[in-house]
Amino acid sequence: MRAADSPGPAPPGAFTLTLTLAKRELAAYFLSPLAYVFIIAFLVLSALLTFQLGGFFARGQADLVPFFDFHPWLYLVLVPAVGMRLWAEERRSGTLELLLSLPVTSGHLVVAKFAAGWVFLGLALALTAPIWIAVAYLGAPDHGAILAGYLGSWLMAGGYLAVAACLSAATRNQVVAFVLALAACFVLLAGGSEVGQGLLSEILPAGLTDALSQLSVLSRFAGFQRGVVALSDVVFFVSLIGCALVANTALVELQRDA
């Protein structure tokens, strides 16, 4: 058989292409100053909130409770700032059509972009390890509880990011995407706060208030903070991520069909 007749290399599969897209998306984060601003802001705020506002030294207890207490509120602002660009920027710059022309489904594209963002958030979270090391040096914390807190924090960040990415696909304006994501994440958060529960209890029956509280990321994250990795809490965050990604895929499909 002549060399010209020999079959060429097989085209990459959908999974391989999705993984390649995710790697490119992750690399693109570090080509933008936003990534470094996010990481620096997250690290500085985490340290300040833990050791200053969190009253770490006044508590006289070596743990990371103050550190994790502020994560739901830190993510409320910082994660939408990461997620707002995922699709809105593609639509604004006109590169969405090129992206949708790739031989992968909309679901693969959504997963690739989300995975890159979630890994980026995980890297930022991992860079807070010196805080953990400092606490271990100052005392004898429960490392199992801290590890559970990190897991819960990463899952919560993923939930916020999935919601932000979904809303980013609904607009071409990053500022609008940020505001929408901020509002949506606040709704997910508020039901588990004392103020939110107090307001809900005034207008809703006690049973419904408790049910809505269980749908709050704040309530679900509380178990991880105590060092308890409950299956129900893991399922909650995974389900939140899954539902948001399905909605995100539907929005991208609308763009593909337009």
C-alpha atoms as a PDB file:
ATOM      1  CA  MET A   1       0.000   0.000   0.000  1.00  0.00           C
ATOM      2  CA  ARG A   2       1.304   3.417  -0.869  1.00  0.00           C
ATOM      3  CA  ALA A   3       2.031   5.888   1.903  1.00  0.00           C
ATOM      4  CA  ALA A   4      -0.581   8.232   0.471  1.00  0.00           C
ATOM      5  CA  ASP A   5      -3.202   5.533   0.979  1.00  0.00           C
ATOM      6  CA  SER A   6      -2.344   4.893   4.628  1.00  0.00           C
ATOM      7  CA  PRO A   7      -4.886   6.190   7.101  1.00  0.00           C
ATOM      8  CA  GLY A   8      -3.975   9.384   8.952  1.00  0.00           C
ATOM      9  CA  PRO A   9      -4.137   9.844  12.698  1.00  0.00           C
ATOM     10  CA  ALA A  10      -7.598   9.491  14.157  1.00  0.00           C
ATOM     11  CA  PRO A  11      -9.281  12.758  15.131  1.00  0.00           C
ATOM     12  CA  PRO A  12      -9.292  13.444  18.862  1.00  0.00           C
ATOM     13  CA  GLY A  13     -12.307  12.195  20.748  1.00  0.00           C
ATOM     14  CA  ALA A  14     -14.795  14.444  22.516  1.00  0.00           C
ATOM     15  CA  PHE A  15     -13.252  13.731  25.919  1.00  0.00           C
ATOM     16  CA  THR A  16      -9.733  14.520  24.713  1.00  0.00           C
ATOM     17  CA  LEU A  17     -10.897  17.724  23.059  1.00  0.00           C
ATOM     18  CA  THR A  18     -12.830  18.720  26.178  1.00  0.00           C
ATOM     19  CA  LEU A  19      -9.750  18.146  28.319  1.00  0.00           C
ATOM     20  CA  THR A  20      -7.664  20.204  25.900  1.00  0.00           C
ATOM     21  CA  LEU A  21     -10.196  23.034  26.041  1.00  0.00           C
ATOM     22  CA  ALA A  22     -10.199  22.919  29.836  1.00  0.00           C
ATOM     23  CA  LYS A  23      -6.399  23.153  29.916  1.00  0.00           C
ATOM     24  CA  ARG A  24      -6.449  26.111  27.534  1.00  0.00           C
ATOM     25  CA  GLU A  25      -9.120  27.849  29.582  1.00  0.00           C
ATOM     26  CA  LEU A  26      -7.077  27.326  32.745  1.00  0.00           C
ATOM     27  CA  ALA A  27      -3.938  28.661  31.077  1.00  0.00           C
ATOM     28  CA  ALA A  28      -5.912  31.680  29.846  1.00  0.00           C
ATOM     29  CA  TYR A  29      -6.699  32.660  33.446  1.00  0.00           C
ATOM     30  CA  PHE A  30      -3.030  33.303  34.106  1.00  0.00           C
ATOM     31  CA  LEU A  31      -2.685  35.440  30.999  1.00  0.00           C
ATOM     32  CA  SER A  32      -5.099  37.916  32.551  1.00  0.00           C
ATOM     33  CA  PRO A  33      -4.373  40.191  35.536  1.00  0.00           C
ATOM     34  CA  LEU A  34      -7.780  39.213  36.925  1.00  0.00           C
ATOM     35  CA  ALA A  35      -6.385  35.865  38.048  1.00  0.00           C
ATOM     36  CA  TYR A  36      -3.572  37.439  40.048  1.00  0.00           C
ATOM     37  CA  VAL A  37      -5.855  40.118  41.490  1.00  0.00           C
ATOM     38  CA  PHE A  38      -8.278  37.404  42.590  1.00  0.00           C
ATOM     39  CA  ILE A  39      -5.598  35.239  44.194  1.00  0.00           C
ATOM     40  CA  ILE A  40      -3.919  38.131  46.008  1.00  0.00           C
ATOM     41  CA  ALA A  41      -7.248  39.525  47.210  1.00  0.00           C
ATOM     42  CA  PHE A  42      -8.390  36.093  48.383  1.00  0.00           C
ATOM     43  CA  LEU A  43      -5.173  35.360  50.264  1.00  0.00           C
ATOM     44  CA  VAL A  44      -4.930  38.790  51.894  1.00  0.00           C
ATOM     45  CA  LEU A  45      -8.592  38.886  52.888  1.00  0.00           C
ATOM     46  CA  SER A  46      -8.477  35.316  54.198  1.00  0.00           C
ATOM     47  CA  ALA A  47      -5.520  36.114  56.448  1.00  0.00           C
ATOM     48  CA  LEU A  48      -6.956  39.426  57.672  1.00  0.00           C
ATOM     49  CA  LEU A  49     -10.401  38.011  58.361  1.00  0.00           C
ATOM     50  CA  THR A  50      -8.967  34.982  60.155  1.00  0.00           C
ATOM     51  CA  PHE A  51      -6.429  36.649  62.411  1.00  0.00           C
ATOM     52  CA  GLN A  52      -7.960  40.119  62.818  1.00  0.00           C
ATOM     53  CA  LEU A  53     -11.732  40.258  62.438  1.00  0.00           C
ATOM     54  CA  GLY A  54     -12.078  36.580  63.287  1.00  0.00           C
ATOM     55  CA  GLY A  55     -10.438  37.121  66.675  1.00  0.00           C
ATOM     56  CA  PHE A  56      -8.138  34.147  66.279  1.00  0.00           C
ATOM     57  CA  PHE A  57      -5.777  35.111  69.091  1.00  0.00           C
ATOM     58  CA  ALA A  58      -8.553  36.324  71.381  1.00  0.00           C
ATOM     59  CA  ARG A  59     -10.305  32.966  71.089  1.00  0.00           C
ATOM     60  CA  GLY A  60      -7.259  31.154  72.435  1.00  0.00           C
ATOM     61  CA  GLN A  61      -8.049  28.081  70.372  1.00  0.00           C
ATOM     62  CA  ALA A  62      -5.956  26.655  67.544  1.00  0.00           C
ATOM     63  CA  ASP A  63      -8.407  25.922  64.737  1.00  0.00           C
ATOM     64  CA  LEU A  64      -9.547  27.371  61.439  1.00  0.00           C
ATOM     65  CA  VAL A  65     -13.137  28.133  62.413  1.00  0.00           C
ATOM     66  CA  PRO A  66     -12.708  31.897  61.773  1.00  0.00           C
ATOM     67  CA  PHE A  67     -11.027  31.102  58.455  1.00  0.00           C
ATOM     68  CA  PHE A  68     -13.946  29.061  57.125  1.00  0.00           C
ATOM     69  CA  ASP A  69     -16.627  31.289  58.689  1.00  0.00           C
ATOM     70  CA  PHE A  70     -15.873  34.011  56.159  1.00  0.00           C
ATOM     71  CA  HIS A  71     -15.607  31.817  53.055  1.00  0.00           C
ATOM     72  CA  PRO A  72     -19.307  31.918  52.080  1.00  0.00           C
ATOM     73  CA  TRP A  73     -19.171  35.719  52.142  1.00  0.00           C
ATOM     74  CA  LEU A  74     -15.803  35.990  50.424  1.00  0.00           C
ATOM     75  CA  TYR A  75     -16.990  33.737  47.615  1.00  0.00           C
ATOM     76  CA  LEU A  76     -20.172  35.783  47.297  1.00  0.00           C
ATOM     77  CA  VAL A  77     -18.149  38.562  45.653  1.00  0.00           C
ATOM     78  CA  LEU A  78     -14.992  36.907  44.391  1.00  0.00           C
ATOM     79  CA  VAL A  79     -16.429  33.858  42.616  1.00  0.00           C
ATOM     80  CA  PRO A  80     -18.923  35.822  40.462  1.00  0.00           C
ATOM     81  CA  ALA A  81     -15.945  37.965  39.438  1.00  0.00           C
ATOM     82  CA  VAL A  82     -14.309  34.806  38.095  1.00  0.00           C
ATOM     83  CA  GLY A  83     -17.448  33.351  36.525  1.00  0.00           C
ATOM     84  CA  MET A  84     -18.771  36.504  34.877  1.00  0.00           C
ATOM     85  CA  ARG A  85     -16.317  36.302  31.972  1.00  0.00           C
ATOM     86  CA  LEU A  86     -16.719  32.633  31.078  1.00  0.00           C
ATOM     87  CA  TRP A  87     -19.413  33.121  28.439  1.00  0.00           C
ATOM     88  CA  ALA A  88     -20.163  36.848  28.410  1.00  0.00           C
ATOM     89  CA  GLU A  89     -16.672  37.623  27.151  1.00  0.00           C
ATOM     90  CA  GLU A  90     -16.992  35.027  24.391  1.00  0.00           C
ATOM     91  CA  ARG A  91     -20.235  36.634  23.228  1.00  0.00           C
ATOM     92  CA  ARG A  92     -18.893  40.175  23.463  1.00  0.00           C
ATOM     93  CA  SER A  93     -15.707  39.428  21.553  1.00  0.00           C
ATOM     94  CA  GLY A  94     -17.491  37.365  18.886  1.00  0.00           C
ATOM     95  CA  THR A  95     -15.461  34.204  19.557  1.00  0.00           C
ATOM     96  CA  LEU A  96     -18.474  32.198  20.709  1.00  0.00           C
ATOM     97  CA  GLU A  97     -19.340  31.223  17.120  1.00  0.00           C
ATOM     98  CA  LEU A  98     -15.834  29.818  16.642  1.00  0.00           C
ATOM     99  CA  LEU A  99     -16.098  27.919  19.925  1.00  0.00           C
ATOM    100  CA  LEU A 100     -19.454  26.438  18.952  1.00  0.00           C
ATOM    101  CA  SER A 101     -18.033  25.276  15.622  1.00  0.00           C
ATOM    102  CA  LEU A 102     -15.760  22.776  17.376  1.00  0.00           C
ATOM    103  CA  PRO A 103     -16.732  19.085  17.038  1.00  0.00           C
ATOM    104  CA  VAL A 104     -17.973  18.777  20.612  1.00  0.00           C
ATOM    105  CA  THR A 105     -21.376  19.169  22.193  1.00  0.00           C
ATOM    106  CA  SER A 106     -22.453  22.245  24.124  1.00  0.00           C
ATOM    107  CA  GLY A 107     -22.313  20.138  27.273  1.00  0.00           C
ATOM    108  CA  HIS A 108     -18.639  19.369  26.716  1.00  0.00           C
ATOM    109  CA  LEU A 109     -17.891  23.071  26.247  1.00  0.00           C
ATOM    110  CA  VAL A 110     -19.758  23.961  29.428  1.00  0.00           C
ATOM    111  CA  VAL A 111     -17.950  21.277  31.420  1.00  0.00           C
ATOM    112  CA  ALA A 112     -14.562  22.375  30.041  1.00  0.00           C
ATOM    113  CA  LYS A 113     -15.060  26.006  31.019  1.00  0.00           C
ATOM    114  CA  PHE A 114     -16.467  25.119  34.427  1.00  0.00           C
ATOM    115  CA  ALA A 115     -13.708  22.594  35.164  1.00  0.00           C
ATOM    116  CA  ALA A 116     -11.017  25.158  34.363  1.00  0.00           C
ATOM    117  CA  GLY A 117     -12.606  27.731  36.652  1.00  0.00           C
ATOM    118  CA  TRP A 118     -13.122  25.221  39.451  1.00  0.00           C
ATOM    119  CA  VAL A 119      -9.504  24.063  39.273  1.00  0.00           C
ATOM    120  CA  PHE A 120      -8.414  27.704  39.367  1.00  0.00           C
ATOM    121  CA  LEU A 121     -10.477  28.265  42.519  1.00  0.00           C
ATOM    122  CA  GLY A 122      -8.995  25.101  43.989  1.00  0.00           C
ATOM    123  CA  LEU A 123      -5.486  26.411  43.350  1.00  0.00           C
ATOM    124  CA  ALA A 124      -6.347  29.692  45.062  1.00  0.00           C
ATOM    125  CA  LEU A 125      -7.741  27.758  48.024  1.00  0.00           C
ATOM    126  CA  ALA A 126      -4.638  25.544  48.175  1.00  0.00           C
ATOM    127  CA  LEU A 127      -2.450  28.643  48.399  1.00  0.00           C
ATOM    128  CA  THR A 128      -3.991  29.384  51.808  1.00  0.00           C
ATOM    129  CA  ALA A 129      -2.067  26.382  53.190  1.00  0.00           C
ATOM    130  CA  PRO A 130       0.366  28.683  55.064  1.00  0.00           C
ATOM    131  CA  ILE A 131      -2.560  29.730  57.284  1.00  0.00           C
ATOM    132  CA  TRP A 132      -3.138  26.066  58.132  1.00  0.00           C
ATOM    133  CA  ILE A 133       0.589  25.617  58.777  1.00  0.00           C
ATOM    134  CA  ALA A 134       0.652  28.670  61.052  1.00  0.00           C
ATOM    135  CA  VAL A 135      -2.265  27.352  63.084  1.00  0.00           C
ATOM    136  CA  ALA A 136      -0.600  23.933  63.362  1.00  0.00           C
ATOM    137  CA  TYR A 137       2.576  25.647  64.591  1.00  0.00           C
ATOM    138  CA  LEU A 138       0.661  27.629  67.227  1.00  0.00           C
ATOM    139  CA  GLY A 139      -1.320  24.699  68.569  1.00  0.00           C
ATOM    140  CA  ALA A 140      -2.729  21.250  67.876  1.00  0.00           C
ATOM    141  CA  PRO A 141      -5.751  21.672  65.610  1.00  0.00           C
ATOM    142  CA  ASP A 142      -8.011  18.875  64.400  1.00  0.00           C
ATOM    143  CA  HIS A 143      -6.515  18.321  60.962  1.00  0.00           C
ATOM    144  CA  GLY A 144      -9.381  16.072  59.906  1.00  0.00           C
ATOM    145  CA  ALA A 145     -11.882  18.863  60.568  1.00  0.00           C
ATOM    146  CA  ILE A 146      -9.704  21.328  58.658  1.00  0.00           C
ATOM    147  CA  LEU A 147      -9.456  18.979  55.685  1.00  0.00           C
ATOM    148  CA  ALA A 148     -13.238  18.585  55.714  1.00  0.00           C
ATOM    149  CA  GLY A 149     -13.569  22.359  55.802  1.00  0.00           C
ATOM    150  CA  TYR A 150     -11.347  22.671  52.740  1.00  0.00           C
ATOM    151  CA  LEU A 151     -13.415  20.076  50.886  1.00  0.00           C
ATOM    152  CA  GLY A 152     -16.651  21.863  51.755  1.00  0.00           C
ATOM    153  CA  SER A 153     -15.177  25.206  50.789  1.00  0.00           C
ATOM    154  CA  TRP A 154     -14.135  23.894  47.379  1.00  0.00           C
ATOM    155  CA  LEU A 155     -17.565  22.337  46.786  1.00  0.00           C
ATOM    156  CA  MET A 156     -19.244  25.593  47.788  1.00  0.00           C
ATOM    157  CA  ALA A 157     -16.980  27.568  45.445  1.00  0.00           C
ATOM    158  CA  GLY A 158     -17.961  25.142  42.683  1.00  0.00           C
ATOM    159  CA  GLY A 159     -21.636  25.765  43.371  1.00  0.00           C
ATOM    160  CA  TYR A 160     -21.172  29.517  43.209  1.00  0.00           C
ATOM    161  CA  LEU A 161     -19.094  29.212  40.045  1.00  0.00           C
ATOM    162  CA  ALA A 162     -21.637  26.993  38.262  1.00  0.00           C
ATOM    163  CA  VAL A 163     -24.381  29.537  38.983  1.00  0.00           C
ATOM    164  CA  ALA A 164     -22.155  32.429  37.862  1.00  0.00           C
ATOM    165  CA  ALA A 165     -21.191  30.608  34.651  1.00  0.00           C
ATOM    166  CA  CYS A 166     -24.829  29.885  33.861  1.00  0.00           C
ATOM    167  CA  LEU A 167     -25.803  33.529  34.237  1.00  0.00           C
ATOM    168  CA  SER A 168     -22.753  34.595  32.243  1.00  0.00           C
ATOM    169  CA  ALA A 169     -24.174  32.621  29.316  1.00  0.00           C
ATOM    170  CA  ALA A 170     -27.357  34.699  29.496  1.00  0.00           C
ATOM    171  CA  THR A 171     -25.694  38.023  28.638  1.00  0.00           C
ATOM    172  CA  ARG A 172     -22.809  39.505  26.701  1.00  0.00           C
ATOM    173  CA  ASN A 173     -22.114  42.123  29.396  1.00  0.00           C
ATOM    174  CA  GLN A 174     -19.713  41.013  32.126  1.00  0.00           C
ATOM    175  CA  VAL A 175     -20.960  43.627  34.590  1.00  0.00           C
ATOM    176  CA  VAL A 176     -24.542  42.429  34.163  1.00  0.00           C
ATOM    177  CA  ALA A 177     -23.352  38.832  34.557  1.00  0.00           C
ATOM    178  CA  PHE A 178     -21.539  39.763  37.772  1.00  0.00           C
ATOM    179  CA  VAL A 179     -24.570  41.509  39.274  1.00  0.00           C
ATOM    180  CA  LEU A 180     -26.904  38.639  38.363  1.00  0.00           C
ATOM    181  CA  ALA A 181     -24.506  36.062  39.808  1.00  0.00           C
ATOM    182  CA  LEU A 182     -24.018  38.116  42.965  1.00  0.00           C
ATOM    183  CA  ALA A 183     -27.787  38.337  43.482  1.00  0.00           C
ATOM    184  CA  ALA A 184     -28.350  34.631  42.798  1.00  0.00           C
ATOM    185  CA  CYS A 185     -25.545  33.531  45.124  1.00  0.00           C
ATOM    186  CA  PHE A 186     -26.839  35.863  47.822  1.00  0.00           C
ATOM    187  CA  VAL A 187     -30.241  34.186  47.609  1.00  0.00           C
ATOM    188  CA  LEU A 188     -28.560  30.799  48.001  1.00  0.00           C
ATOM    189  CA  LEU A 189     -26.687  32.147  51.014  1.00  0.00           C
ATOM    190  CA  ALA A 190     -29.244  34.307  52.809  1.00  0.00           C
ATOM    191  CA  GLY A 191     -31.665  31.555  53.802  1.00  0.00           C
ATOM    192  CA  GLY A 192     -29.114  30.024  56.151  1.00  0.00           C
ATOM    193  CA  SER A 193     -28.134  33.248  57.901  1.00  0.00           C
ATOM    194  CA  GLU A 194     -29.719  34.370  61.167  1.00  0.00           C
ATOM    195  CA  VAL A 195     -31.091  37.521  59.562  1.00  0.00           C
ATOM    196  CA  GLY A 196     -32.504  35.591  56.623  1.00  0.00           C
ATOM    197  CA  GLN A 197     -34.136  32.997  58.848  1.00  0.00           C
ATOM    198  CA  GLY A 198     -35.605  35.751  61.008  1.00  0.00           C
ATOM    199  CA  LEU A 199     -37.166  37.463  58.000  1.00  0.00           C
ATOM    200  CA  LEU A 200     -38.480  34.212  56.559  1.00  0.00           C
ATOM    201  CA  SER A 201     -40.009  33.177  59.885  1.00  0.00           C
ATOM    202  CA  GLU A 202     -42.115  36.354  59.904  1.00  0.00           C
ATOM    203  CA  ILE A 203     -43.771  35.620  56.571  1.00  0.00           C
ATOM    204  CA  LEU A 204     -43.622  31.839  56.227  1.00  0.00           C
ATOM    205  CA  PRO A 205     -44.622  28.850  58.397  1.00  0.00           C
ATOM    206  CA  ALA A 206     -41.885  27.386  60.548  1.00  0.00           C
ATOM    207  CA  GLY A 207     -41.712  24.155  58.515  1.00  0.00           C
ATOM    208  CA  LEU A 208     -41.229  26.001  55.238  1.00  0.00           C
ATOM    209  CA  THR A 209     -38.624  28.276  56.819  1.00  0.00           C
ATOM    210  CA  ASP A 210     -36.644  25.253  57.979  1.00  0.00           C
ATOM    211  CA  ALA A 211     -36.928  23.660  54.541  1.00  0.00           C
ATOM    212  CA  LEU A 212     -35.619  26.792  52.816  1.00  0.00           C
ATOM    213  CA  SER A 213     -32.816  26.969  55.356  1.00  0.00           C
ATOM    214  CA  GLN A 214     -31.700  23.486  54.323  1.00  0.00           C
ATOM    215  CA  LEU A 215     -31.391  24.738  50.742  1.00  0.00           C
ATOM    216  CA  SER A 216     -28.889  27.385  51.812  1.00  0.00           C
ATOM    217  CA  VAL A 217     -25.195  26.911  51.088  1.00  0.00           C
ATOM    218  CA  LEU A 218     -24.520  28.372  54.518  1.00  0.00           C
ATOM    219  CA  SER A 219     -26.434  25.595  56.261  1.00  0.00           C
ATOM    220  CA  ARG A 220     -24.867  22.901  54.106  1.00  0.00           C
ATOM    221  CA  PHE A 221     -21.375  24.233  54.619  1.00  0.00           C
ATOM    222  CA  ALA A 222     -21.805  24.251  58.405  1.00  0.00           C
ATOM    223  CA  GLY A 223     -21.357  20.486  58.639  1.00  0.00           C
ATOM    224  CA  PHE A 224     -18.022  20.624  56.822  1.00  0.00           C
ATOM    225  CA  GLN A 225     -16.875  23.353  59.207  1.00  0.00           C
ATOM    226  CA  ARG A 226     -17.504  20.973  62.106  1.00  0.00           C
ATOM    227  CA  GLY A 227     -15.472  18.286  60.363  1.00  0.00           C
ATOM    228  CA  VAL A 228     -18.513  16.236  59.322  1.00  0.00           C
ATOM    229  CA  VAL A 229     -18.607  15.181  55.663  1.00  0.00           C
ATOM    230  CA  ALA A 230     -22.270  14.205  55.364  1.00  0.00           C
ATOM    231  CA  LEU A 231     -23.421  12.540  52.145  1.00  0.00           C
ATOM    232  CA  SER A 232     -26.495  14.786  52.037  1.00  0.00           C
ATOM    233  CA  ASP A 233     -24.328  17.913  52.056  1.00  0.00           C
ATOM    234  CA  VAL A 234     -22.061  16.557  49.323  1.00  0.00           C
ATOM    235  CA  VAL A 235     -25.113  15.611  47.239  1.00  0.00           C
ATOM    236  CA  PHE A 236     -26.538  19.113  47.735  1.00  0.00           C
ATOM    237  CA  PHE A 237     -23.471  20.840  46.300  1.00  0.00           C
ATOM    238  CA  VAL A 238     -23.029  18.296  43.501  1.00  0.00           C
ATOM    239  CA  SER A 239     -26.720  18.687  42.607  1.00  0.00           C
ATOM    240  CA  LEU A 240     -26.417  22.484  42.638  1.00  0.00           C
ATOM    241  CA  ILE A 241     -23.447  22.274  40.298  1.00  0.00           C
ATOM    242  CA  GLY A 242     -25.192  19.752  38.053  1.00  0.00           C
ATOM    243  CA  CYS A 243     -28.432  21.735  37.765  1.00  0.00           C
ATOM    244  CA  ALA A 244     -26.558  24.949  36.991  1.00  0.00           C
ATOM    245  CA  LEU A 245     -24.451  23.213  34.338  1.00  0.00           C
ATOM    246  CA  VAL A 246     -27.560  21.726  32.704  1.00  0.00           C
ATOM    247  CA  ALA A 247     -29.142  25.199  32.582  1.00  0.00           C
ATOM    248  CA  ASN A 248     -25.861  26.589  31.247  1.00  0.00           C
ATOM    249  CA  THR A 249     -25.832  23.969  28.492  1.00  0.00           C
ATOM    250  CA  ALA A 250     -29.401  24.866  27.506  1.00  0.00           C
ATOM    251  CA  LEU A 251     -28.449  28.538  27.194  1.00  0.00           C
ATOM    252  CA  VAL A 252     -25.420  27.688  25.058  1.00  0.00           C
ATOM    253  CA  GLU A 253     -27.594  25.472  22.861  1.00  0.00           C
ATOM    254  CA  LEU A 254     -29.852  28.451  22.231  1.00  0.00           C
ATOM    255  CA  GLN A 255     -26.816  30.363  21.004  1.00  0.00           C
ATOM    256  CA  ARG A 256     -25.813  27.440  18.765  1.00  0.00           C
ATOM    257  CA  ASP A 257     -29.286  27.276  17.208  1.00  0.00           C
ATOM    258  CA  ALA A 258     -29.619  31.052  16.779  1.00  0.00           C
END
